[in-house]
PDB file of N, CA and C in Angstrom:
ATOM      1  N   UNK A   1     -55.287 128.363 152.486  1.00  0.00           N
ATOM      2  CA  UNK A   1     -53.545 127.619 153.137  1.00  0.00           C
ATOM      3  C   UNK A   1     -52.801 127.098 151.285  1.00  0.00           C
ATOM      4  N   UNK A   2     -51.432 127.596 151.133  1.00  0.00           N
ATOM      5  CA  UNK A   2     -50.333 127.458 150.119  1.00  0.00           C
ATOM      6  C   UNK A   2     -50.025 125.907 150.197  1.00  0.00           C
ATOM      7  N   UNK A   3     -50.495 125.004 149.001  1.00  0.00           N
ATOM      8  CA  UNK A   3     -49.494 123.398 148.861  1.00  0.00           C
ATOM      9  C   UNK A   3     -48.821 123.727 148.494  1.00  0.00           C
ATOM     10  N   UNK A   4     -47.829 122.702 148.702  1.00  0.00           N
ATOM     11  CA  UNK A   4     -46.503 123.039 147.949  1.00  0.00           C
ATOM     12  C   UNK A   4     -46.487 120.984 147.552  1.00  0.00           C
ATOM     13  N   UNK A   5     -46.704 121.111 146.205  1.00  0.00           N
ATOM     14  CA  UNK A   5     -46.028 119.690 145.272  1.00  0.00           C
ATOM     15  C   UNK A   5     -45.165 119.252 145.857  1.00  0.00           C
ATOM     16  N   UNK A   6     -44.938 117.971 146.086  1.00  0.00           N
ATOM     17  CA  UNK A   6     -44.227 117.228 146.395  1.00  0.00           C
ATOM     18  C   UNK A   6     -43.725 116.367 145.539  1.00  0.00           C
ATOM     19  N   UNK A   7     -42.407 116.128 145.519  1.00  0.00           N
ATOM     20  CA  UNK A   7     -41.723 114.706 144.334  1.00  0.00           C
ATOM     21  C   UNK A   7     -42.683 114.048 144.235  1.00  0.00           C
ATOM     22  N   UNK A   8     -42.845 112.752 143.458  1.00  0.00           N
ATOM     23  CA  UNK A   8     -43.392 112.063 143.826  1.00  0.00           C
ATOM     24  C   UNK A   8     -42.123 110.823 143.691  1.00  0.00           C
ATOM     25  N   UNK A   9     -40.960 110.986 143.603  1.00  0.00           N
ATOM     26  CA  UNK A   9     -39.863 109.956 143.826  1.00  0.00           C
ATOM     27  C   UNK A   9     -38.768 110.034 144.263  1.00  0.00           C
ATOM     28  N   UNK A  10     -37.822 109.858 144.960  1.00  0.00           N
ATOM     29  CA  UNK A  10     -36.446 110.060 144.836  1.00  0.00           C
ATOM     30  C   UNK A  10     -36.006 109.450 143.193  1.00  0.00           C
ATOM     31  N   UNK A  11     -35.021 110.260 142.425  1.00  0.00           N
ATOM     32  CA  UNK A  11     -34.246 109.716 141.467  1.00  0.00           C
ATOM     33  C   UNK A  11     -33.182 109.072 141.627  1.00  0.00           C
ATOM     34  N   UNK A  12     -32.993 108.981 143.474  1.00  0.00           N
ATOM     35  CA  UNK A  12     -31.379 107.730 143.473  1.00  0.00           C
ATOM     36  C   UNK A  12     -30.360 108.902 142.804  1.00  0.00           C
ATOM     37  N   UNK A  13     -29.093 108.309 141.948  1.00  0.00           N
ATOM     38  CA  UNK A  13     -28.149 108.366 141.818  1.00  0.00           C
ATOM     39  C   UNK A  13     -28.502 109.108 140.042  1.00  0.00           C
ATOM     40  N   UNK A  14     -27.782 110.308 140.331  1.00  0.00           N
ATOM     41  CA  UNK A  14     -28.261 110.966 138.323  1.00  0.00           C
ATOM     42  C   UNK A  14     -27.123 110.370 137.709  1.00  0.00           C
ATOM     43  N   UNK A  15     -27.493 110.311 137.024  1.00  0.00           N
ATOM     44  CA  UNK A  15     -26.485 109.874 135.726  1.00  0.00           C
ATOM     45  C   UNK A  15     -26.800 110.287 134.742  1.00  0.00           C
ATOM     46  N   UNK A  16     -25.370 110.458 133.171  1.00  0.00           N
ATOM     47  CA  UNK A  16     -26.105 111.366 132.275  1.00  0.00           C
ATOM     48  C   UNK A  16     -25.168 110.210 131.333  1.00  0.00           C
ATOM     49  N   UNK A  17     -25.483 110.208 130.275  1.00  0.00           N
ATOM     50  CA  UNK A  17     -25.140 109.974 129.119  1.00  0.00           C
ATOM     51  C   UNK A  17     -24.028 111.176 128.249  1.00  0.00           C
ATOM     52  N   UNK A  18     -22.478 111.002 127.549  1.00  0.00           N
ATOM     53  CA  UNK A  18     -21.702 111.771 126.734  1.00  0.00           C
ATOM     54  C   UNK A  18     -22.882 112.747 126.455  1.00  0.00           C
ATOM     55  N   UNK A  19     -23.426 111.788 125.115  1.00  0.00           N
ATOM     56  CA  UNK A  19     -24.751 112.886 124.289  1.00  0.00           C
ATOM     57  C   UNK A  19     -25.316 113.516 124.566  1.00  0.00           C
ATOM     58  N   UNK A  20     -26.250 112.691 126.154  1.00  0.00           N
ATOM     59  CA  UNK A  20     -27.161 113.832 126.657  1.00  0.00           C
ATOM     60  C   UNK A  20     -26.748 115.022 127.255  1.00  0.00           C
ATOM     61  N   UNK A  21     -25.291 115.409 127.550  1.00  0.00           N
ATOM     62  CA  UNK A  21     -24.951 116.230 128.773  1.00  0.00           C
ATOM     63  C   UNK A  21     -23.818 116.764 127.463  1.00  0.00           C
ATOM     64  N   UNK A  22     -23.720 117.253 126.312  1.00  0.00           N
ATOM     65  CA  UNK A  22     -23.546 117.499 124.898  1.00  0.00           C
ATOM     66  C   UNK A  22     -24.148 118.498 124.852  1.00  0.00           C
ATOM     67  N   UNK A  23     -25.514 117.837 124.435  1.00  0.00           N
ATOM     68  CA  UNK A  23     -27.102 118.488 124.398  1.00  0.00           C
ATOM     69  C   UNK A  23     -27.794 119.228 125.194  1.00  0.00           C
ATOM     70  N   UNK A  24     -27.449 119.586 126.349  1.00  0.00           N
ATOM     71  CA  UNK A  24     -27.809 120.200 127.662  1.00  0.00           C
ATOM     72  C   UNK A  24     -26.844 121.025 127.695  1.00  0.00           C
ATOM     73  N   UNK A  25     -25.216 121.273 127.312  1.00  0.00           N
ATOM     74  CA  UNK A  25     -24.347 121.967 127.392  1.00  0.00           C
ATOM     75  C   UNK A  25     -24.516 123.119 126.188  1.00  0.00           C
ATOM     76  N   UNK A  26     -24.984 122.524 124.784  1.00  0.00           N
ATOM     77  CA  UNK A  26     -25.176 123.199 123.913  1.00  0.00           C
ATOM     78  C   UNK A  26     -26.427 124.126 123.848  1.00  0.00           C
ATOM     79  N   UNK A  27     -27.498 123.702 124.648  1.00  0.00           N
ATOM     80  CA  UNK A  27     -28.976 124.405 124.974  1.00  0.00           C
ATOM     81  C   UNK A  27     -28.522 124.916 126.083  1.00  0.00           C
ATOM     82  N   UNK A  28     -27.501 124.789 126.809  1.00  0.00           N
ATOM     83  CA  UNK A  28     -27.400 126.274 128.141  1.00  0.00           C
ATOM     84  C   UNK A  28     -28.361 126.016 129.333  1.00  0.00           C
ATOM     85  N   UNK A  29     -28.784 124.344 129.617  1.00  0.00           N
ATOM     86  CA  UNK A  29     -29.796 123.506 130.259  1.00  0.00           C
ATOM     87  C   UNK A  29     -29.110 123.142 130.671  1.00  0.00           C
ATOM     88  N   UNK A  30     -29.472 122.494 132.375  1.00  0.00           N
ATOM     89  CA  UNK A  30     -28.803 122.129 133.498  1.00  0.00           C
ATOM     90  C   UNK A  30     -29.615 120.204 133.734  1.00  0.00           C
ATOM     91  N   UNK A  31     -28.857 119.529 134.117  1.00  0.00           N
ATOM     92  CA  UNK A  31     -29.767 118.161 134.169  1.00  0.00           C
ATOM     93  C   UNK A  31     -31.063 118.362 135.016  1.00  0.00           C
ATOM     94  N   UNK A  32     -30.573 119.322 136.062  1.00  0.00           N
ATOM     95  CA  UNK A  32     -32.469 119.123 136.721  1.00  0.00           C
ATOM     96  C   UNK A  32     -33.405 119.806 136.306  1.00  0.00           C
ATOM     97  N   UNK A  33     -33.214 120.635 135.299  1.00  0.00           N
ATOM     98  CA  UNK A  33     -34.262 121.191 134.398  1.00  0.00           C
ATOM     99  C   UNK A  33     -35.361 120.009 133.915  1.00  0.00           C
ATOM    100  N   UNK A  34     -34.948 118.977 133.899  1.00  0.00           N
ATOM    101  CA  UNK A  34     -35.014 117.241 133.130  1.00  0.00           C
ATOM    102  C   UNK A  34     -36.031 116.647 134.649  1.00  0.00           C
ATOM    103  N   UNK A  35     -34.752 116.389 135.496  1.00  0.00           N
ATOM    104  CA  UNK A  35     -34.777 115.705 136.460  1.00  0.00           C
ATOM    105  C   UNK A  35     -35.841 116.414 137.453  1.00  0.00           C
ATOM    106  N   UNK A  36     -35.778 117.662 137.260  1.00  0.00           N
ATOM    107  CA  UNK A  36     -37.102 118.300 138.200  1.00  0.00           C
ATOM    108  C   UNK A  36     -38.200 118.446 138.013  1.00  0.00           C
ATOM    109  N   UNK A  37     -38.553 118.239 135.974  1.00  0.00           N
ATOM    110  CA  UNK A  37     -39.872 117.628 136.018  1.00  0.00           C
ATOM    111  C   UNK A  37     -40.117 116.079 136.378  1.00  0.00           C
ATOM    112  N   UNK A  38     -39.432 115.299 135.708  1.00  0.00           N
ATOM    113  CA  UNK A  38     -39.297 113.817 135.813  1.00  0.00           C
ATOM    114  C   UNK A  38     -40.362 113.607 137.066  1.00  0.00           C
ATOM    115  N   UNK A  39     -39.496 114.070 138.571  1.00  0.00           N
ATOM    116  CA  UNK A  39     -39.308 113.646 139.667  1.00  0.00           C
ATOM    117  C   UNK A  39     -41.045 114.319 140.217  1.00  0.00           C
ATOM    118  N   UNK A  40     -41.736 115.342 139.540  1.00  0.00           N
ATOM    119  CA  UNK A  40     -42.459 115.917 140.100  1.00  0.00           C
ATOM    120  C   UNK A  40     -43.705 115.409 139.037  1.00  0.00           C
ATOM    121  N   UNK A  41     -43.267 114.220 138.060  1.00  0.00           N
ATOM    122  CA  UNK A  41     -44.728 113.441 137.433  1.00  0.00           C
ATOM    123  C   UNK A  41     -45.098 114.772 136.529  1.00  0.00           C
ATOM    124  N   UNK A  42     -44.381 115.341 135.673  1.00  0.00           N
ATOM    125  CA  UNK A  42     -44.085 116.216 134.114  1.00  0.00           C
ATOM    126  C   UNK A  42     -43.489 115.308 133.459  1.00  0.00           C
ATOM    127  N   UNK A  43     -44.222 114.171 132.717  1.00  0.00           N
ATOM    128  CA  UNK A  43     -43.513 113.004 132.209  1.00  0.00           C
ATOM    129  C   UNK A  43     -43.296 113.642 131.125  1.00  0.00           C
ATOM    130  N   UNK A  44     -43.575 115.130 130.465  1.00  0.00           N
ATOM    131  CA  UNK A  44     -42.799 115.435 128.698  1.00  0.00           C
ATOM    132  C   UNK A  44     -43.786 115.553 127.638  1.00  0.00           C
ATOM    133  N   UNK A  45     -43.104 114.752 127.031  1.00  0.00           N
ATOM    134  CA  UNK A  45     -43.385 114.502 125.335  1.00  0.00           C
ATOM    135  C   UNK A  45     -43.820 112.910 125.224  1.00  0.00           C
ATOM    136  N   UNK A  46     -44.876 112.374 126.145  1.00  0.00           N
ATOM    137  CA  UNK A  46     -45.121 110.824 125.834  1.00  0.00           C
ATOM    138  C   UNK A  46     -46.620 110.599 125.783  1.00  0.00           C
ATOM    139  N   UNK A  47     -47.291 109.857 124.907  1.00  0.00           N
ATOM    140  CA  UNK A  47     -47.935 110.094 124.448  1.00  0.00           C
ATOM    141  C   UNK A  47     -48.897 109.679 126.200  1.00  0.00           C
ATOM    142  N   UNK A  48     -50.676 109.697 126.127  1.00  0.00           N
ATOM    143  CA  UNK A  48     -51.144 109.355 127.224  1.00  0.00           C
ATOM    144  C   UNK A  48     -50.771 108.333 127.517  1.00  0.00           C
ATOM    145  N   UNK A  49     -51.157 107.027 126.789  1.00  0.00           N
ATOM    146  CA  UNK A  49     -50.345 105.473 127.454  1.00  0.00           C
ATOM    147  C   UNK A  49     -49.414 105.502 128.038  1.00  0.00           C
ATOM    148  N   UNK A  50     -48.311 106.292 127.245  1.00  0.00           N
ATOM    149  CA  UNK A  50     -46.930 106.145 128.442  1.00  0.00           C
ATOM    150  C   UNK A  50     -47.390 106.897 129.764  1.00  0.00           C
ATOM    151  N   UNK A  51     -48.183 108.074 129.698  1.00  0.00           N
ATOM    152  CA  UNK A  51     -48.214 108.350 130.935  1.00  0.00           C
ATOM    153  C   UNK A  51     -49.448 107.678 131.886  1.00  0.00           C
ATOM    154  N   UNK A  52     -49.871 107.227 131.943  1.00  0.00           N
ATOM    155  CA  UNK A  52     -50.769 106.447 132.450  1.00  0.00           C
ATOM    156  C   UNK A  52     -49.391 105.425 133.164  1.00  0.00           C
ATOM    157  N   UNK A  53     -48.935 104.374 132.141  1.00  0.00           N
ATOM    158  CA  UNK A  53     -47.976 103.320 132.600  1.00  0.00           C
ATOM    159  C   UNK A  53     -47.022 104.338 133.201  1.00  0.00           C
ATOM    160  N   UNK A  54     -46.846 105.536 133.124  1.00  0.00           N
ATOM    161  CA  UNK A  54     -45.948 106.155 134.515  1.00  0.00           C
ATOM    162  C   UNK A  54     -46.583 105.644 135.757  1.00  0.00           C
ATOM    163  N   UNK A  55     -47.981 106.728 135.513  1.00  0.00           N
ATOM    164  CA  UNK A  55     -48.737 106.488 136.856  1.00  0.00           C
ATOM    165  C   UNK A  55     -48.594 104.907 137.648  1.00  0.00           C
ATOM    166  N   UNK A  56     -49.181 104.157 136.495  1.00  0.00           N
ATOM    167  CA  UNK A  56     -48.964 102.396 137.530  1.00  0.00           C
ATOM    168  C   UNK A  56     -47.854 102.478 138.238  1.00  0.00           C
ATOM    169  N   UNK A  57     -46.767 102.983 137.097  1.00  0.00           N
ATOM    170  CA  UNK A  57     -45.354 102.066 137.693  1.00  0.00           C
ATOM    171  C   UNK A  57     -45.291 102.704 139.044  1.00  0.00           C
ATOM    172  N   UNK A  58     -45.282 104.084 139.228  1.00  0.00           N
ATOM    173  CA  UNK A  58     -45.463 105.054 140.836  1.00  0.00           C
ATOM    174  C   UNK A  58     -46.063 104.162 141.607  1.00  0.00           C
ATOM    175  N   UNK A  59     -47.102 103.367 141.369  1.00  0.00           N
ATOM    176  CA  UNK A  59     -47.612 102.653 142.537  1.00  0.00           C
ATOM    177  C   UNK A  59     -47.585 101.170 142.957  1.00  0.00           C
ATOM    178  N   UNK A  60     -46.617 100.649 141.322  1.00  0.00           N
ATOM    179  CA  UNK A  60     -46.146  99.579 141.967  1.00  0.00           C
ATOM    180  C   UNK A  60     -44.555  99.056 141.460  1.00  0.00           C
ATOM    181  N   UNK A  61     -43.644 100.673 141.576  1.00  0.00           N
ATOM    182  CA  UNK A  61     -42.132 100.358 142.057  1.00  0.00           C
ATOM    183  C   UNK A  61     -41.509  99.612 140.664  1.00  0.00           C
ATOM    184  N   UNK A  62     -42.599 100.538 139.258  1.00  0.00           N
ATOM    185  CA  UNK A  62     -41.602 100.018 138.071  1.00  0.00           C
ATOM    186  C   UNK A  62     -40.935 100.939 137.602  1.00  0.00           C
ATOM    187  N   UNK A  63     -39.939 100.903 136.479  1.00  0.00           N
ATOM    188  CA  UNK A  63     -39.351 101.751 135.691  1.00  0.00           C
ATOM    189  C   UNK A  63     -40.163 103.261 134.841  1.00  0.00           C
ATOM    190  N   UNK A  64     -39.607 104.488 135.119  1.00  0.00           N
ATOM    191  CA  UNK A  64     -40.365 105.693 134.915  1.00  0.00           C
ATOM    192  C   UNK A  64     -39.835 106.197 133.740  1.00  0.00           C
ATOM    193  N   UNK A  65     -40.611 106.566 132.476  1.00  0.00           N
ATOM    194  CA  UNK A  65     -39.730 107.121 131.303  1.00  0.00           C
ATOM    195  C   UNK A  65     -40.544 107.947 130.963  1.00  0.00           C
ATOM    196  N   UNK A  66     -39.082 109.505 130.867  1.00  0.00           N
ATOM    197  CA  UNK A  66     -40.253 110.347 130.561  1.00  0.00           C
ATOM    198  C   UNK A  66     -39.031 111.181 129.347  1.00  0.00           C
ATOM    199  N   UNK A  67     -39.790 112.133 128.484  1.00  0.00           N
ATOM    200  CA  UNK A  67     -39.495 112.569 127.114  1.00  0.00           C
ATOM    201  C   UNK A  67     -39.400 113.957 127.338  1.00  0.00           C
ATOM    202  N   UNK A  68     -38.860 114.594 126.843  1.00  0.00           N
ATOM    203  CA  UNK A  68     -38.246 115.986 126.768  1.00  0.00           C
ATOM    204  C   UNK A  68     -37.681 116.461 125.848  1.00  0.00           C
ATOM    205  N   UNK A  69     -37.114 117.573 125.376  1.00  0.00           N
ATOM    206  CA  UNK A  69     -36.593 118.655 124.487  1.00  0.00           C
ATOM    207  C   UNK A  69     -35.805 119.749 125.045  1.00  0.00           C
ATOM    208  N   UNK A  70     -35.000 119.737 124.963  1.00  0.00           N
ATOM    209  CA  UNK A  70     -34.151 120.712 125.116  1.00  0.00           C
ATOM    210  C   UNK A  70     -34.476 122.177 124.220  1.00  0.00           C
ATOM    211  N   UNK A  71     -33.988 123.360 124.372  1.00  0.00           N
ATOM    212  CA  UNK A  71     -34.389 124.678 124.056  1.00  0.00           C
ATOM    213  C   UNK A  71     -33.754 124.458 122.275  1.00  0.00           C
ATOM    214  N   UNK A  72     -32.838 123.490 122.124  1.00  0.00           N
ATOM    215  CA  UNK A  72     -32.512 123.702 121.077  1.00  0.00           C
ATOM    216  C   UNK A  72     -32.751 122.016 120.389  1.00  0.00           C
ATOM    217  N   UNK A  73     -33.995 121.676 120.586  1.00  0.00           N
ATOM    218  CA  UNK A  73     -34.761 120.836 119.937  1.00  0.00           C
ATOM    219  C   UNK A  73     -34.366 119.079 119.554  1.00  0.00           C
ATOM    220  N   UNK A  74     -33.635 118.901 120.829  1.00  0.00           N
ATOM    221  CA  UNK A  74     -32.767 117.586 121.427  1.00  0.00           C
ATOM    222  C   UNK A  74     -33.356 117.354 121.910  1.00  0.00           C
ATOM    223  N   UNK A  75     -34.110 115.889 121.424  1.00  0.00           N
ATOM    224  CA  UNK A  75     -34.925 114.984 122.543  1.00  0.00           C
ATOM    225  C   UNK A  75     -34.309 113.902 123.292  1.00  0.00           C
ATOM    226  N   UNK A  76     -34.008 114.453 124.290  1.00  0.00           N
ATOM    227  CA  UNK A  76     -34.133 113.586 125.823  1.00  0.00           C
ATOM    228  C   UNK A  76     -34.556 112.776 126.302  1.00  0.00           C
ATOM    229  N   UNK A  77     -34.277 111.563 127.102  1.00  0.00           N
ATOM    230  CA  UNK A  77     -35.083 110.536 127.673  1.00  0.00           C
ATOM    231  C   UNK A  77     -34.608 109.985 129.155  1.00  0.00           C
ATOM    232  N   UNK A  78     -35.108 110.784 130.112  1.00  0.00           N
ATOM    233  CA  UNK A  78     -35.373 110.470 131.624  1.00  0.00           C
ATOM    234  C   UNK A  78     -35.800 109.143 132.176  1.00  0.00           C
ATOM    235  N   UNK A  79     -34.683 108.317 132.575  1.00  0.00           N
ATOM    236  CA  UNK A  79     -35.307 107.016 132.797  1.00  0.00           C
ATOM    237  C   UNK A  79     -34.701 106.463 134.256  1.00  0.00           C
ATOM    238  N   UNK A  80     -35.441 106.586 134.876  1.00  0.00           N
ATOM    239  CA  UNK A  80     -35.543 105.822 136.473  1.00  0.00           C
ATOM    240  C   UNK A  80     -35.793 104.869 136.435  1.00  0.00           C
ATOM    241  N   UNK A  81     -34.296 103.862 137.283  1.00  0.00           N
ATOM    242  CA  UNK A  81     -35.007 102.119 137.415  1.00  0.00           C
ATOM    243  C   UNK A  81     -36.225 102.194 138.125  1.00  0.00           C
ATOM    244  N   UNK A  82     -36.389 100.612 138.433  1.00  0.00           N
ATOM    245  CA  UNK A  82     -37.437  99.891 138.901  1.00  0.00           C
ATOM    246  C   UNK A  82     -37.300 100.288 140.677  1.00  0.00           C
ATOM    247  N   UNK A  83     -36.116 100.317 141.085  1.00  0.00           N
ATOM    248  CA  UNK A  83     -35.962 100.414 142.515  1.00  0.00           C
ATOM    249  C   UNK A  83     -35.631 101.759 143.101  1.00  0.00           C
ATOM    250  N   UNK A  84     -35.887 102.612 141.910  1.00  0.00           N
ATOM    251  CA  UNK A  84     -35.433 104.347 142.173  1.00  0.00           C
ATOM    252  C   UNK A  84     -33.758 104.198 142.508  1.00  0.00           C
ATOM    253  N   UNK A  85     -32.634 103.415 142.209  1.00  0.00           N
ATOM    254  CA  UNK A  85     -31.698 103.629 142.868  1.00  0.00           C
ATOM    255  C   UNK A  85     -30.658 104.551 142.001  1.00  0.00           C
ATOM    256  N   UNK A  86     -31.247 104.390 140.345  1.00  0.00           N
ATOM    257  CA  UNK A  86     -31.171 105.490 139.765  1.00  0.00           C
ATOM    258  C   UNK A  86     -31.865 106.392 138.823  1.00  0.00           C
ATOM    259  N   UNK A  87     -31.772 107.439 138.576  1.00  0.00           N
ATOM    260  CA  UNK A  87     -32.282 108.227 137.086  1.00  0.00           C
ATOM    261  C   UNK A  87     -30.967 108.583 136.339  1.00  0.00           C
ATOM    262  N   UNK A  88     -31.295 108.447 134.755  1.00  0.00           N
ATOM    263  CA  UNK A  88     -30.801 108.217 133.747  1.00  0.00           C
ATOM    264  C   UNK A  88     -30.897 109.266 132.405  1.00  0.00           C
ATOM    265  N   UNK A  89     -30.330 110.655 132.138  1.00  0.00           N
ATOM    266  CA  UNK A  89     -30.814 111.016 131.328  1.00  0.00           C
ATOM    267  C   UNK A  89     -29.953 111.097 129.741  1.00  0.00           C
ATOM    268  N   UNK A  90     -30.301 110.507 129.124  1.00  0.00           N
ATOM    269  CA  UNK A  90     -29.697 109.811 127.663  1.00  0.00           C
ATOM    270  C   UNK A  90     -30.902 110.448 126.366  1.00  0.00           C
ATOM    271  N   UNK A  91     -29.797 110.429 125.071  1.00  0.00           N
ATOM    272  CA  UNK A  91     -30.278 110.761 124.085  1.00  0.00           C
ATOM    273  C   UNK A  91     -30.738 109.127 123.636  1.00  0.00           C
ATOM    274  N   UNK A  92     -32.283 109.160 122.577  1.00  0.00           N
ATOM    275  CA  UNK A  92     -32.815 107.647 122.275  1.00  0.00           C
ATOM    276  C   UNK A  92     -31.319 106.670 121.989  1.00  0.00           C
ATOM    277  N   UNK A  93     -30.840 107.672 120.943  1.00  0.00           N
ATOM    278  CA  UNK A  93     -30.481 106.558 120.294  1.00  0.00           C
ATOM    279  C   UNK A  93     -29.068 105.701 121.275  1.00  0.00           C
ATOM    280  N   UNK A  94     -28.748 106.714 122.280  1.00  0.00           N
ATOM    281  CA  UNK A  94     -28.013 106.106 123.079  1.00  0.00           C
ATOM    282  C   UNK A  94     -28.688 104.570 124.225  1.00  0.00           C
ATOM    283  N   UNK A  95     -30.018 104.663 124.237  1.00  0.00           N
ATOM    284  CA  UNK A  95     -30.568 103.450 124.354  1.00  0.00           C
ATOM    285  C   UNK A  95     -29.900 102.341 124.988  1.00  0.00           C
TER     286      UNK A  95
END
């Protein structure tokens, strides 16, 4: 039997800052390249403690944070609000 993974949560409304959009465009990547990983629980380049925090946040309805790099090496954060109403992609300096 083949099991397909399911998203761990709904991202809500998808948003992006201008800087993150520019970085993704320059890397010729889609926002879904990052949001897709995020909703399936691939937290990207976060430490083990932050990974654990995200796993606990899934259980307790808290904010989720992932960190990724574009193919051009630009760091992006993907943050989902605690109420799962919205997910935003941004550069760390835009936080």
